[in-house]
C-alpha cells in the first residue's frame, strides 16, 4: 500500500506538523512548523508548560523585573500573565519576536503581537499566557501589575 500524500500532493514530511489554517483572508493557508519532542510524543500542551517556556525565554533574553501573575479563577481570558522590562525598545521588540518564534516552534502556538514596531509596550497573547514587555519608563507610568497583584502575590 503506498504512503498517503500531503494536502499539496507531496510526500508528507515526518519532521514537520501542520500548525493552523488561516481562513481570515479568504484563502486557506497552511503553515508547518518543525516537530518537537512534545508534539512527537503526543504530549498535551498545558498553560504551565507554556508559562515555563515563556519564563525561560525571557531569562535567556535578559528580561528584567519579571513578574508572574496567576489569573486562574480571576479572569476568563487567560491562565497566567507575565510582566517584564527590557532596557530598550529594540530589546523589547526582539524579546517578543524570539518568544513568539520559540512558542511556535516548540508547541505550535501562534501568538498575537501588538506594539512590536514601537517597542515601548509589546503585548504577546499566546492564549493561555499573556506577556507584557515594557521599556522601564513606560512600565513605571502604567504600573500594570498594581491592577492585578495584591500586596505580596507576585512570583
N, C-alpha and C. Protein backbone atom coordinates (compact mmCIF):
# COMPACT_ATOMS: atom_id res chain seq x y z
N UNK A 1 0.84 -1.17 0.00
CA UNK A 1 0.00 0.00 0.00
C UNK A 1 0.90 1.25 0.00
N UNK A 2 0.67 2.21 -0.92
CA UNK A 2 1.52 3.41 -0.97
C UNK A 2 1.25 4.33 0.20
N UNK A 3 2.27 5.13 0.53
CA UNK A 3 2.12 6.12 1.61
C UNK A 3 1.12 7.19 1.21
N UNK A 4 0.37 7.69 2.17
CA UNK A 4 -0.56 8.77 1.91
C UNK A 4 0.20 10.04 1.61
N UNK A 5 -0.28 10.84 0.69
CA UNK A 5 0.36 12.09 0.34
C UNK A 5 -0.26 13.23 1.13
N UNK A 6 0.51 14.33 1.28
CA UNK A 6 0.04 15.51 2.00
C UNK A 6 -1.03 16.26 1.22
N UNK A 7 -1.55 17.33 1.81
CA UNK A 7 -2.63 18.11 1.20
C UNK A 7 -2.22 18.75 -0.11
N UNK A 8 -0.91 18.94 -0.34
CA UNK A 8 -0.45 19.55 -1.58
C UNK A 8 0.03 18.50 -2.59
N UNK A 9 -0.19 17.24 -2.29
CA UNK A 9 0.19 16.17 -3.20
C UNK A 9 1.60 15.66 -2.99
N UNK A 10 2.37 16.33 -2.16
CA UNK A 10 3.76 15.93 -1.91
C UNK A 10 3.79 14.85 -0.84
N UNK A 11 4.92 14.19 -0.77
CA UNK A 11 5.11 13.21 0.29
C UNK A 11 5.05 13.92 1.64
N UNK A 12 4.36 13.37 2.62
CA UNK A 12 4.32 14.01 3.93
C UNK A 12 5.70 14.02 4.58
N UNK A 13 6.01 15.11 5.25
CA UNK A 13 7.29 15.22 5.95
C UNK A 13 7.08 14.77 7.38
N UNK A 14 7.93 13.91 7.85
CA UNK A 14 7.78 13.39 9.19
C UNK A 14 8.35 14.33 10.25
N UNK A 15 9.15 15.32 9.83
CA UNK A 15 9.76 16.22 10.81
C UNK A 15 9.00 17.54 10.94
N UNK A 16 7.83 17.67 10.29
CA UNK A 16 7.03 18.88 10.39
C UNK A 16 5.59 18.53 10.68
N UNK A 17 4.88 19.47 11.28
CA UNK A 17 3.48 19.26 11.61
C UNK A 17 2.69 20.50 11.16
N UNK A 18 1.45 20.30 10.74
CA UNK A 18 0.60 21.42 10.34
C UNK A 18 0.25 22.25 11.56
N UNK A 19 0.49 23.56 11.48
CA UNK A 19 0.26 24.44 12.62
C UNK A 19 -1.17 24.95 12.64
N UNK A 20 -1.65 25.50 11.53
CA UNK A 20 -3.01 26.04 11.50
C UNK A 20 -3.42 26.35 10.07
N UNK A 21 -4.68 26.61 9.90
CA UNK A 21 -5.19 27.12 8.64
C UNK A 21 -5.75 28.50 8.90
N UNK A 22 -5.34 29.48 8.10
CA UNK A 22 -5.81 30.85 8.26
C UNK A 22 -6.83 31.15 7.19
N UNK A 23 -8.09 31.18 7.56
CA UNK A 23 -9.15 31.41 6.61
C UNK A 23 -9.62 32.86 6.59
N UNK A 24 -9.04 33.71 7.41
CA UNK A 24 -9.47 35.10 7.54
C UNK A 24 -9.33 35.87 6.23
N UNK A 25 -8.32 35.58 5.46
CA UNK A 25 -8.08 36.31 4.22
C UNK A 25 -8.89 35.75 3.05
N UNK A 26 -9.68 34.74 3.28
CA UNK A 26 -10.47 34.13 2.23
C UNK A 26 -9.78 32.95 1.57
N UNK A 27 -8.51 32.75 1.82
CA UNK A 27 -7.75 31.63 1.27
C UNK A 27 -7.26 30.77 2.42
N UNK A 28 -7.29 29.48 2.20
CA UNK A 28 -6.73 28.58 3.21
C UNK A 28 -5.21 28.56 3.05
N UNK A 29 -4.52 28.95 4.07
CA UNK A 29 -3.06 28.98 4.04
C UNK A 29 -2.55 28.03 5.11
N UNK A 30 -1.86 27.00 4.69
CA UNK A 30 -1.33 26.05 5.65
C UNK A 30 0.06 26.49 6.05
N UNK A 31 0.35 26.32 7.31
CA UNK A 31 1.67 26.67 7.82
C UNK A 31 2.21 25.47 8.56
N UNK A 32 3.46 25.13 8.33
CA UNK A 32 4.07 24.00 9.01
C UNK A 32 5.16 24.48 9.93
N UNK A 33 5.30 23.80 11.05
CA UNK A 33 6.37 24.10 12.00
C UNK A 33 7.09 22.81 12.31
N UNK A 34 8.37 22.89 12.67
CA UNK A 34 9.11 21.66 12.99
C UNK A 34 8.50 20.93 14.19
N UNK A 35 8.52 19.62 14.12
CA UNK A 35 8.04 18.82 15.24
C UNK A 35 9.03 18.89 16.39
N UNK A 36 8.52 18.88 17.59
CA UNK A 36 9.36 18.83 18.78
C UNK A 36 9.02 17.58 19.55
N UNK A 37 9.75 17.32 20.60
CA UNK A 37 9.52 16.11 21.40
C UNK A 37 8.10 16.07 21.94
N UNK A 38 7.56 17.24 22.38
CA UNK A 38 6.20 17.25 22.91
C UNK A 38 5.18 16.85 21.86
N UNK A 39 5.35 17.36 20.63
CA UNK A 39 4.40 17.05 19.57
C UNK A 39 4.55 15.60 19.15
N UNK A 40 5.78 15.12 19.00
CA UNK A 40 6.02 13.75 18.58
C UNK A 40 5.45 12.77 19.60
N UNK A 41 5.64 13.05 20.87
CA UNK A 41 5.17 12.15 21.92
C UNK A 41 3.67 12.28 22.15
N UNK A 42 3.04 13.28 21.51
CA UNK A 42 1.62 13.48 21.70
C UNK A 42 1.29 14.09 23.05
N UNK A 43 2.28 14.71 23.67
CA UNK A 43 2.08 15.30 24.99
C UNK A 43 1.13 16.49 24.90
N UNK A 44 0.35 16.64 25.92
CA UNK A 44 -0.60 17.74 25.97
C UNK A 44 0.12 19.03 26.35
N UNK A 45 -0.15 20.09 25.58
CA UNK A 45 0.44 21.38 25.89
C UNK A 45 -0.45 22.05 26.93
N UNK A 46 0.12 22.33 28.08
CA UNK A 46 -0.64 22.96 29.15
C UNK A 46 -0.17 24.39 29.34
N UNK A 47 -0.99 25.17 30.02
CA UNK A 47 -0.60 26.56 30.29
C UNK A 47 0.65 26.62 31.15
N UNK A 48 0.86 25.62 32.01
CA UNK A 48 2.05 25.60 32.85
C UNK A 48 3.31 25.36 32.01
N UNK A 49 3.22 24.49 31.00
CA UNK A 49 4.36 24.26 30.11
C UNK A 49 4.67 25.51 29.30
N UNK A 50 3.64 26.17 28.82
CA UNK A 50 3.84 27.40 28.06
C UNK A 50 4.43 28.48 28.96
N UNK A 51 3.91 28.61 30.17
CA UNK A 51 4.44 29.59 31.12
C UNK A 51 5.92 29.32 31.41
N UNK A 52 6.27 28.06 31.63
CA UNK A 52 7.67 27.71 31.90
C UNK A 52 8.56 28.10 30.73
N UNK A 53 8.10 27.88 29.52
CA UNK A 53 8.90 28.25 28.34
C UNK A 53 8.98 29.76 28.17
N UNK A 54 7.90 30.45 28.46
CA UNK A 54 7.91 31.92 28.41
C UNK A 54 8.96 32.46 29.38
N UNK A 55 8.95 31.96 30.60
CA UNK A 55 9.89 32.44 31.62
C UNK A 55 11.34 32.12 31.25
N UNK A 56 11.58 30.92 30.71
CA UNK A 56 12.95 30.58 30.34
C UNK A 56 13.41 31.41 29.14
N UNK A 57 12.52 31.69 28.21
CA UNK A 57 12.87 32.52 27.06
C UNK A 57 13.20 33.94 27.50
N UNK A 58 12.40 34.49 28.41
CA UNK A 58 12.67 35.84 28.91
C UNK A 58 13.98 35.89 29.67
N UNK A 59 14.27 34.84 30.42
CA UNK A 59 15.55 34.78 31.14
C UNK A 59 16.72 34.72 30.16
N UNK A 60 16.57 33.90 29.12
CA UNK A 60 17.63 33.81 28.10
C UNK A 60 17.90 35.15 27.44
N UNK A 61 16.84 35.95 27.26
CA UNK A 61 16.96 37.24 26.58
C UNK A 61 17.21 38.40 27.53
N UNK A 62 17.52 38.09 28.80
CA UNK A 62 17.90 39.09 29.81
C UNK A 62 16.78 40.08 30.14
N UNK A 63 15.56 39.58 30.23
CA UNK A 63 14.45 40.41 30.69
C UNK A 63 14.68 40.78 32.15
N UNK A 64 14.20 41.95 32.54
CA UNK A 64 14.39 42.44 33.90
C UNK A 64 13.05 42.53 34.64
N UNK A 65 13.10 42.40 35.95
CA UNK A 65 11.93 42.56 36.82
C UNK A 65 10.73 41.76 36.33
N UNK A 66 10.92 40.46 36.16
CA UNK A 66 9.86 39.58 35.66
C UNK A 66 8.87 39.29 36.79
N UNK A 67 7.58 39.55 36.53
CA UNK A 67 6.52 39.29 37.48
C UNK A 67 5.52 38.33 36.83
N UNK A 68 5.18 37.25 37.53
CA UNK A 68 4.20 36.29 37.05
C UNK A 68 2.94 36.41 37.90
N UNK A 69 1.79 36.51 37.24
CA UNK A 69 0.51 36.66 37.93
C UNK A 69 -0.39 35.50 37.53
N UNK A 70 -0.90 34.78 38.52
CA UNK A 70 -1.82 33.67 38.28
C UNK A 70 -3.22 34.24 38.11
N UNK A 71 -3.81 34.04 36.92
CA UNK A 71 -5.14 34.58 36.64
C UNK A 71 -6.24 33.52 36.74
N UNK A 72 -5.87 32.28 37.04
CA UNK A 72 -6.86 31.21 37.14
C UNK A 72 -7.90 31.58 38.19
N UNK A 73 -9.15 31.55 37.79
CA UNK A 73 -10.25 31.89 38.69
C UNK A 73 -10.49 33.38 38.82
N UNK A 74 -9.60 34.21 38.27
CA UNK A 74 -9.76 35.67 38.35
C UNK A 74 -10.10 36.28 37.00
N UNK A 75 -9.82 35.54 35.93
CA UNK A 75 -10.06 36.05 34.59
C UNK A 75 -10.36 34.90 33.64
N UNK A 76 -11.31 35.10 32.75
CA UNK A 76 -11.64 34.08 31.76
C UNK A 76 -10.75 34.17 30.53
N UNK A 77 -9.96 35.24 30.42
CA UNK A 77 -9.18 35.45 29.20
C UNK A 77 -7.90 34.63 29.16
N UNK A 78 -7.33 34.30 30.30
CA UNK A 78 -6.04 33.62 30.32
C UNK A 78 -5.79 33.00 31.68
N UNK A 79 -4.81 32.08 31.74
CA UNK A 79 -4.45 31.45 33.00
C UNK A 79 -3.32 32.18 33.72
N UNK A 80 -2.43 32.81 32.93
CA UNK A 80 -1.26 33.48 33.52
C UNK A 80 -0.97 34.78 32.78
N UNK A 81 -0.39 35.72 33.50
CA UNK A 81 0.10 36.96 32.92
C UNK A 81 1.53 37.15 33.38
N UNK A 82 2.38 37.55 32.44
CA UNK A 82 3.78 37.83 32.75
C UNK A 82 4.06 39.27 32.36
N UNK A 83 4.68 40.00 33.27
CA UNK A 83 5.06 41.39 33.01
C UNK A 83 6.56 41.50 33.23
N UNK A 84 7.24 42.11 32.27
CA UNK A 84 8.70 42.26 32.40
C UNK A 84 9.16 43.51 31.67
N UNK A 85 10.43 43.84 31.86
CA UNK A 85 11.02 45.02 31.23
C UNK A 85 12.24 44.62 30.42
N UNK A 86 12.51 45.44 29.40
CA UNK A 86 13.74 45.36 28.63
C UNK A 86 14.41 46.72 28.73
N UNK A 87 15.68 46.76 28.43
CA UNK A 87 16.43 48.01 28.59
C UNK A 87 16.18 49.03 27.49
N UNK A 88 15.71 48.59 26.33
CA UNK A 88 15.50 49.50 25.20
C UNK A 88 14.34 49.00 24.35
N UNK A 89 13.86 49.86 23.47
CA UNK A 89 12.79 49.47 22.54
C UNK A 89 13.23 48.30 21.67
N UNK A 90 14.47 48.34 21.27
CA UNK A 90 15.00 47.27 20.41
C UNK A 90 15.01 45.93 21.15
N UNK A 91 15.43 45.93 22.42
CA UNK A 91 15.45 44.68 23.19
C UNK A 91 14.03 44.18 23.42
N UNK A 92 13.10 45.07 23.73
CA UNK A 92 11.71 44.67 23.99
C UNK A 92 11.12 44.01 22.74
N UNK A 93 11.31 44.62 21.58
CA UNK A 93 10.80 44.06 20.32
C UNK A 93 11.45 42.72 20.01
N UNK A 94 12.75 42.63 20.23
CA UNK A 94 13.48 41.40 19.96
C UNK A 94 13.02 40.27 20.87
N UNK A 95 12.82 40.57 22.16
CA UNK A 95 12.35 39.54 23.10
C UNK A 95 10.99 39.00 22.67
N UNK A 96 10.10 39.90 22.24
CA UNK A 96 8.76 39.48 21.81
C UNK A 96 8.84 38.59 20.57
N UNK A 97 9.66 38.98 19.61
CA UNK A 97 9.81 38.21 18.38
C UNK A 97 10.38 36.82 18.67
N UNK A 98 11.43 36.76 19.47
CA UNK A 98 12.05 35.47 19.80
C UNK A 98 11.08 34.58 20.58
N UNK A 99 10.36 35.16 21.53
CA UNK A 99 9.40 34.38 22.32
C UNK A 99 8.31 33.81 21.42
N UNK A 100 7.80 34.61 20.53
CA UNK A 100 6.77 34.15 19.61
C UNK A 100 7.27 32.99 18.76
N UNK A 101 8.48 33.10 18.23
CA UNK A 101 9.06 32.04 17.41
C UNK A 101 9.29 30.77 18.22
N UNK A 102 9.76 30.92 19.45
CA UNK A 102 10.01 29.74 20.29
C UNK A 102 8.72 29.00 20.61
N UNK A 103 7.66 29.72 20.92
CA UNK A 103 6.37 29.07 21.22
C UNK A 103 5.80 28.39 19.98
N UNK A 104 5.97 29.02 18.84
CA UNK A 104 5.50 28.44 17.59
C UNK A 104 6.27 27.16 17.26
N UNK A 105 7.59 27.21 17.40
CA UNK A 105 8.43 26.07 17.07
C UNK A 105 8.24 24.91 18.03
N UNK A 106 8.19 25.22 19.32
CA UNK A 106 8.17 24.15 20.32
C UNK A 106 6.79 23.60 20.63
N UNK A 107 5.76 24.45 20.54
CA UNK A 107 4.42 24.00 20.92
C UNK A 107 3.39 24.13 19.80
N UNK A 108 3.76 24.77 18.70
CA UNK A 108 2.78 25.02 17.64
C UNK A 108 1.79 26.10 18.02
N UNK A 109 2.16 26.94 18.99
CA UNK A 109 1.28 28.01 19.47
C UNK A 109 1.57 29.28 18.67
N UNK A 110 0.54 29.81 18.04
CA UNK A 110 0.68 31.06 17.30
C UNK A 110 0.23 32.21 18.19
N UNK A 111 1.08 33.21 18.32
CA UNK A 111 0.83 34.33 19.22
C UNK A 111 0.40 35.57 18.44
N UNK A 112 -0.48 36.32 19.03
CA UNK A 112 -0.83 37.65 18.52
C UNK A 112 0.11 38.63 19.20
N UNK A 113 0.70 39.54 18.40
CA UNK A 113 1.63 40.52 18.95
C UNK A 113 1.16 41.92 18.58
N UNK A 114 1.11 42.80 19.57
CA UNK A 114 0.75 44.20 19.36
C UNK A 114 1.85 45.08 19.91
N UNK A 115 2.21 46.15 19.18
CA UNK A 115 3.16 47.13 19.68
C UNK A 115 4.61 46.85 19.39
N UNK A 116 4.90 45.80 18.60
CA UNK A 116 6.28 45.42 18.35
C UNK A 116 7.04 46.49 17.56
N UNK A 117 6.35 47.20 16.70
CA UNK A 117 7.02 48.20 15.87
C UNK A 117 7.59 49.34 16.72
N UNK A 118 6.84 49.79 17.73
CA UNK A 118 7.32 50.87 18.58
C UNK A 118 8.27 50.36 19.66
N UNK A 119 7.96 49.22 20.25
CA UNK A 119 8.84 48.63 21.24
C UNK A 119 8.77 49.25 22.62
N UNK A 120 7.78 50.10 22.88
CA UNK A 120 7.62 50.68 24.21
C UNK A 120 6.86 49.72 25.13
N UNK A 121 5.76 49.19 24.61
CA UNK A 121 4.92 48.23 25.33
C UNK A 121 4.46 47.21 24.32
N UNK A 122 4.95 46.00 24.42
CA UNK A 122 4.58 44.94 23.49
C UNK A 122 3.71 43.94 24.24
N UNK A 123 2.55 43.64 23.66
CA UNK A 123 1.64 42.64 24.20
C UNK A 123 1.73 41.41 23.34
N UNK A 124 2.01 40.27 23.96
CA UNK A 124 2.08 38.99 23.27
C UNK A 124 1.03 38.08 23.90
N UNK A 125 0.07 37.64 23.10
CA UNK A 125 -1.02 36.81 23.59
C UNK A 125 -0.90 35.42 23.00
N UNK A 126 -0.59 34.44 23.85
CA UNK A 126 -0.48 33.05 23.40
C UNK A 126 -1.74 32.26 23.74
N UNK A 127 -2.74 32.94 24.25
CA UNK A 127 -3.96 32.26 24.66
C UNK A 127 -3.94 31.98 26.14
N UNK A 128 -3.15 31.02 26.57
CA UNK A 128 -3.08 30.65 27.98
C UNK A 128 -2.20 31.59 28.80
N UNK A 129 -1.25 32.23 28.14
CA UNK A 129 -0.32 33.12 28.82
C UNK A 129 -0.25 34.44 28.04
N UNK A 130 -0.47 35.53 28.76
CA UNK A 130 -0.36 36.87 28.16
C UNK A 130 0.91 37.49 28.71
N UNK A 131 1.73 38.04 27.80
CA UNK A 131 3.01 38.62 28.20
C UNK A 131 3.03 40.10 27.83
N UNK A 132 3.35 40.93 28.81
CA UNK A 132 3.53 42.37 28.60
C UNK A 132 5.02 42.67 28.75
N UNK A 133 5.63 43.19 27.68
CA UNK A 133 7.04 43.56 27.71
C UNK A 133 7.11 45.09 27.60
N UNK A 134 7.79 45.71 28.54
CA UNK A 134 7.84 47.17 28.62
C UNK A 134 9.26 47.69 28.59
N UNK A 135 9.41 48.94 28.15
CA UNK A 135 10.59 49.71 28.50
C UNK A 135 10.36 50.18 29.93
N UNK A 136 11.39 50.34 30.75
CA UNK A 136 11.20 50.67 32.17
C UNK A 136 10.36 51.92 32.43
N UNK A 137 10.56 52.99 31.64
CA UNK A 137 9.81 54.23 31.87
C UNK A 137 8.32 54.03 31.60
N UNK A 138 8.01 53.26 30.58
CA UNK A 138 6.61 53.00 30.23
C UNK A 138 5.96 52.12 31.29
N UNK A 139 6.69 51.14 31.78
CA UNK A 139 6.17 50.26 32.83
C UNK A 139 5.89 51.06 34.10
N UNK A 140 6.79 51.96 34.47
CA UNK A 140 6.59 52.80 35.66
C UNK A 140 5.35 53.69 35.49
N UNK A 141 5.12 54.17 34.28
CA UNK A 141 3.98 55.05 34.03
C UNK A 141 2.66 54.31 34.19
N UNK A 142 2.53 53.12 33.57
CA UNK A 142 1.26 52.39 33.59
C UNK A 142 1.04 51.56 34.85
N UNK A 143 2.09 51.09 35.48
CA UNK A 143 2.01 50.28 36.70
C UNK A 143 0.94 49.19 36.59
N UNK A 144 1.02 48.45 35.52
CA UNK A 144 0.02 47.42 35.21
C UNK A 144 -0.10 46.35 36.29
N UNK A 145 1.03 45.94 36.86
CA UNK A 145 0.96 44.87 37.85
C UNK A 145 0.20 45.28 39.11
N UNK A 146 0.12 46.56 39.41
CA UNK A 146 -0.63 47.01 40.59
C UNK A 146 -2.12 46.75 40.44
N UNK A 147 -2.59 46.66 39.20
CA UNK A 147 -4.01 46.35 38.97
C UNK A 147 -4.33 44.89 39.28
N UNK A 148 -3.33 44.01 39.12
CA UNK A 148 -3.58 42.58 39.22
C UNK A 148 -2.98 41.91 40.45
N UNK A 149 -1.95 42.51 41.04
CA UNK A 149 -1.24 41.86 42.13
C UNK A 149 -1.56 42.52 43.47
N UNK A 150 -2.32 41.83 44.32
CA UNK A 150 -2.45 42.33 45.68
C UNK A 150 -1.08 42.26 46.37
N UNK A 151 -0.85 43.04 47.36
CA UNK A 151 0.44 43.08 48.04
C UNK A 151 0.91 41.69 48.43
N UNK A 152 2.13 41.32 47.99
CA UNK A 152 2.71 40.04 48.36
C UNK A 152 2.40 38.88 47.46
N UNK A 153 1.59 39.05 46.38
CA UNK A 153 1.23 37.94 45.50
C UNK A 153 2.20 37.69 44.35
N UNK A 154 3.09 38.61 44.05
CA UNK A 154 3.97 38.45 42.88
C UNK A 154 4.89 37.26 43.08
N UNK A 155 5.13 36.55 41.98
CA UNK A 155 6.00 35.38 42.00
C UNK A 155 7.26 35.71 41.24
